Amino acid sequence: MQSGNTSIINCEKILDKLRTMNFADIQEQGFIPLYTRDKLTDALHNICGFETDYKFITKRQMKNIQKKVKGGNKVLYSKTTQKIAEPQ
């Protein structure tokens, strides 16, 4: 659903995207992303305050991300005026 330049992404689409955001464990040293960056992953990274789509992530960094995600347990709400995904 779109209103003007505002795109609304439903929960199912966000959850599906999160499920596909997998990582490879590199010799017990850290992680690299196995998913493809797109407008929705960029929006999720922007909302959550961290990026995992283009760089090596150390074990320590991943633990900090996990703490941030688990510690908050807040529902995130963001309204954007940029188009972040095409309706299917």
C-alpha atoms as a PDB file:
ATOM      1  CA  MET A   1       0.000   0.000   0.000  1.00  0.00           C
ATOM      2  CA  GLN A   2       1.338   3.406  -0.915  1.00  0.00           C
ATOM      3  CA  SER A   3       0.237   6.882   0.031  1.00  0.00           C
ATOM      4  CA  GLY A   4       2.047   9.599  -1.910  1.00  0.00           C
ATOM      5  CA  ASN A   5       5.768   8.828  -1.642  1.00  0.00           C
ATOM      6  CA  THR A   6       5.340   6.731   1.515  1.00  0.00           C
ATOM      7  CA  SER A   7       5.783   2.957   1.216  1.00  0.00           C
ATOM      8  CA  ILE A   8       4.346   0.616   3.782  1.00  0.00           C
ATOM      9  CA  ILE A   9       5.991  -2.762   4.198  1.00  0.00           C
ATOM     10  CA  ASN A  10       3.936  -5.368   6.029  1.00  0.00           C
ATOM     11  CA  CYS A  11       5.217  -7.503   8.893  1.00  0.00           C
ATOM     12  CA  GLU A  12       5.255 -10.682   6.815  1.00  0.00           C
ATOM     13  CA  LYS A  13       7.589  -9.141   4.252  1.00  0.00           C
ATOM     14  CA  ILE A  14       9.931  -7.853   6.978  1.00  0.00           C
ATOM     15  CA  LEU A  15      10.002 -11.224   8.747  1.00  0.00           C
ATOM     16  CA  ASP A  16      10.670 -13.039   5.464  1.00  0.00           C
ATOM     17  CA  LYS A  17      13.589 -10.692   4.794  1.00  0.00           C
ATOM     18  CA  LEU A  18      15.005 -11.175   8.300  1.00  0.00           C
ATOM     19  CA  ARG A  19      14.833 -14.965   7.854  1.00  0.00           C
ATOM     20  CA  THR A  20      16.947 -14.728   4.695  1.00  0.00           C
ATOM     21  CA  MET A  21      19.644 -12.585   6.319  1.00  0.00           C
ATOM     22  CA  ASN A  22      22.085 -15.435   6.967  1.00  0.00           C
ATOM     23  CA  PHE A  23      25.804 -15.279   7.787  1.00  0.00           C
ATOM     24  CA  ALA A  24      28.809 -17.537   7.278  1.00  0.00           C
ATOM     25  CA  ASP A  25      31.010 -18.225  10.307  1.00  0.00           C
ATOM     26  CA  ILE A  26      34.592 -17.678   9.123  1.00  0.00           C
ATOM     27  CA  GLN A  27      37.002 -19.944  10.995  1.00  0.00           C
ATOM     28  CA  GLU A  28      35.527 -19.000  14.376  1.00  0.00           C
ATOM     29  CA  GLN A  29      36.803 -15.423  13.892  1.00  0.00           C
ATOM     30  CA  GLY A  30      33.693 -13.660  12.705  1.00  0.00           C
ATOM     31  CA  PHE A  31      30.939 -13.548  10.135  1.00  0.00           C
ATOM     32  CA  ILE A  32      30.264 -12.411   6.591  1.00  0.00           C
ATOM     33  CA  PRO A  33      26.784 -11.828   5.179  1.00  0.00           C
ATOM     34  CA  LEU A  34      25.311 -14.384   2.764  1.00  0.00           C
ATOM     35  CA  TYR A  35      22.368 -12.242   1.720  1.00  0.00           C
ATOM     36  CA  THR A  36      22.007  -9.619  -0.974  1.00  0.00           C
ATOM     37  CA  ARG A  37      21.681  -6.006   0.042  1.00  0.00           C
ATOM     38  CA  ASP A  38      18.526  -4.239  -1.139  1.00  0.00           C
ATOM     39  CA  LYS A  39      16.369  -1.264  -0.199  1.00  0.00           C
ATOM     40  CA  LEU A  40      14.569  -3.188   2.543  1.00  0.00           C
ATOM     41  CA  THR A  41      17.808  -4.394   4.208  1.00  0.00           C
ATOM     42  CA  ASP A  42      19.121  -0.821   4.017  1.00  0.00           C
ATOM     43  CA  ALA A  43      15.965   0.455   5.722  1.00  0.00           C
ATOM     44  CA  LEU A  44      16.201  -2.234   8.434  1.00  0.00           C
ATOM     45  CA  HIS A  45      19.850  -1.374   9.067  1.00  0.00           C
ATOM     46  CA  ASN A  46      19.016   2.309   9.281  1.00  0.00           C
ATOM     47  CA  ILE A  47      16.198   1.697  11.775  1.00  0.00           C
ATOM     48  CA  CYS A  48      18.220  -0.722  13.932  1.00  0.00           C
ATOM     49  CA  GLY A  49      21.401   1.344  13.968  1.00  0.00           C
ATOM     50  CA  PHE A  50      23.856  -1.230  12.639  1.00  0.00           C
ATOM     51  CA  GLU A  51      24.906  -2.590   9.261  1.00  0.00           C
ATOM     52  CA  THR A  52      25.762  -6.195   8.529  1.00  0.00           C
ATOM     53  CA  ASP A  53      25.525  -6.347   4.750  1.00  0.00           C
ATOM     54  CA  TYR A  54      28.892  -5.262   3.414  1.00  0.00           C
ATOM     55  CA  LYS A  55      31.674  -6.045   5.833  1.00  0.00           C
ATOM     56  CA  PHE A  56      33.310  -8.661   8.018  1.00  0.00           C
ATOM     57  CA  ILE A  57      31.736  -8.733  11.468  1.00  0.00           C
ATOM     58  CA  THR A  58      33.873  -9.870  14.377  1.00  0.00           C
ATOM     59  CA  LYS A  59      32.477 -12.181  17.060  1.00  0.00           C
ATOM     60  CA  ARG A  60      32.519  -9.254  19.514  1.00  0.00           C
ATOM     61  CA  GLN A  61      30.580  -7.018  17.109  1.00  0.00           C
ATOM     62  CA  MET A  62      27.989  -9.778  16.550  1.00  0.00           C
ATOM     63  CA  LYS A  63      27.562 -10.238  20.311  1.00  0.00           C
ATOM     64  CA  ASN A  64      26.992  -6.479  20.664  1.00  0.00           C
ATOM     65  CA  ILE A  65      24.366  -6.594  17.894  1.00  0.00           C
ATOM     66  CA  GLN A  66      22.657  -9.540  19.598  1.00  0.00           C
ATOM     67  CA  LYS A  67      22.651  -7.714  22.952  1.00  0.00           C
ATOM     68  CA  LYS A  68      21.190  -4.626  21.323  1.00  0.00           C
ATOM     69  CA  VAL A  69      18.437  -6.631  19.642  1.00  0.00           C
ATOM     70  CA  LYS A  70      17.612  -8.813  22.665  1.00  0.00           C
ATOM     71  CA  GLY A  71      17.989  -6.032  25.217  1.00  0.00           C
ATOM     72  CA  GLY A  72      15.544  -3.667  23.607  1.00  0.00           C
ATOM     73  CA  ASN A  73      12.648  -5.990  22.828  1.00  0.00           C
ATOM     74  CA  LYS A  74      10.892  -2.924  21.487  1.00  0.00           C
ATOM     75  CA  VAL A  75       8.600  -2.696  18.522  1.00  0.00           C
ATOM     76  CA  LEU A  76      10.311  -0.549  15.929  1.00  0.00           C
ATOM     77  CA  TYR A  77       8.225   1.914  13.981  1.00  0.00           C
ATOM     78  CA  SER A  78       9.568   4.003  11.191  1.00  0.00           C
ATOM     79  CA  LYS A  79       7.876   6.057   8.546  1.00  0.00           C
ATOM     80  CA  THR A  80       9.886   6.900   5.498  1.00  0.00           C
ATOM     81  CA  THR A  81       9.117   9.225   2.665  1.00  0.00           C
ATOM     82  CA  GLN A  82      11.426   7.299   0.350  1.00  0.00           C
ATOM     83  CA  LYS A  83      10.280   4.328  -1.666  1.00  0.00           C
ATOM     84  CA  ILE A  84      12.019   1.308  -0.098  1.00  0.00           C
ATOM     85  CA  ALA A  85      10.424  -1.559  -1.982  1.00  0.00           C
ATOM     86  CA  GLU A  86       8.178  -2.291  -4.900  1.00  0.00           C
ATOM     87  CA  PRO A  87       4.837  -3.962  -4.158  1.00  0.00           C
ATOM     88  CA  GLN A  88       4.579  -7.536  -5.387  1.00  0.00           C
END
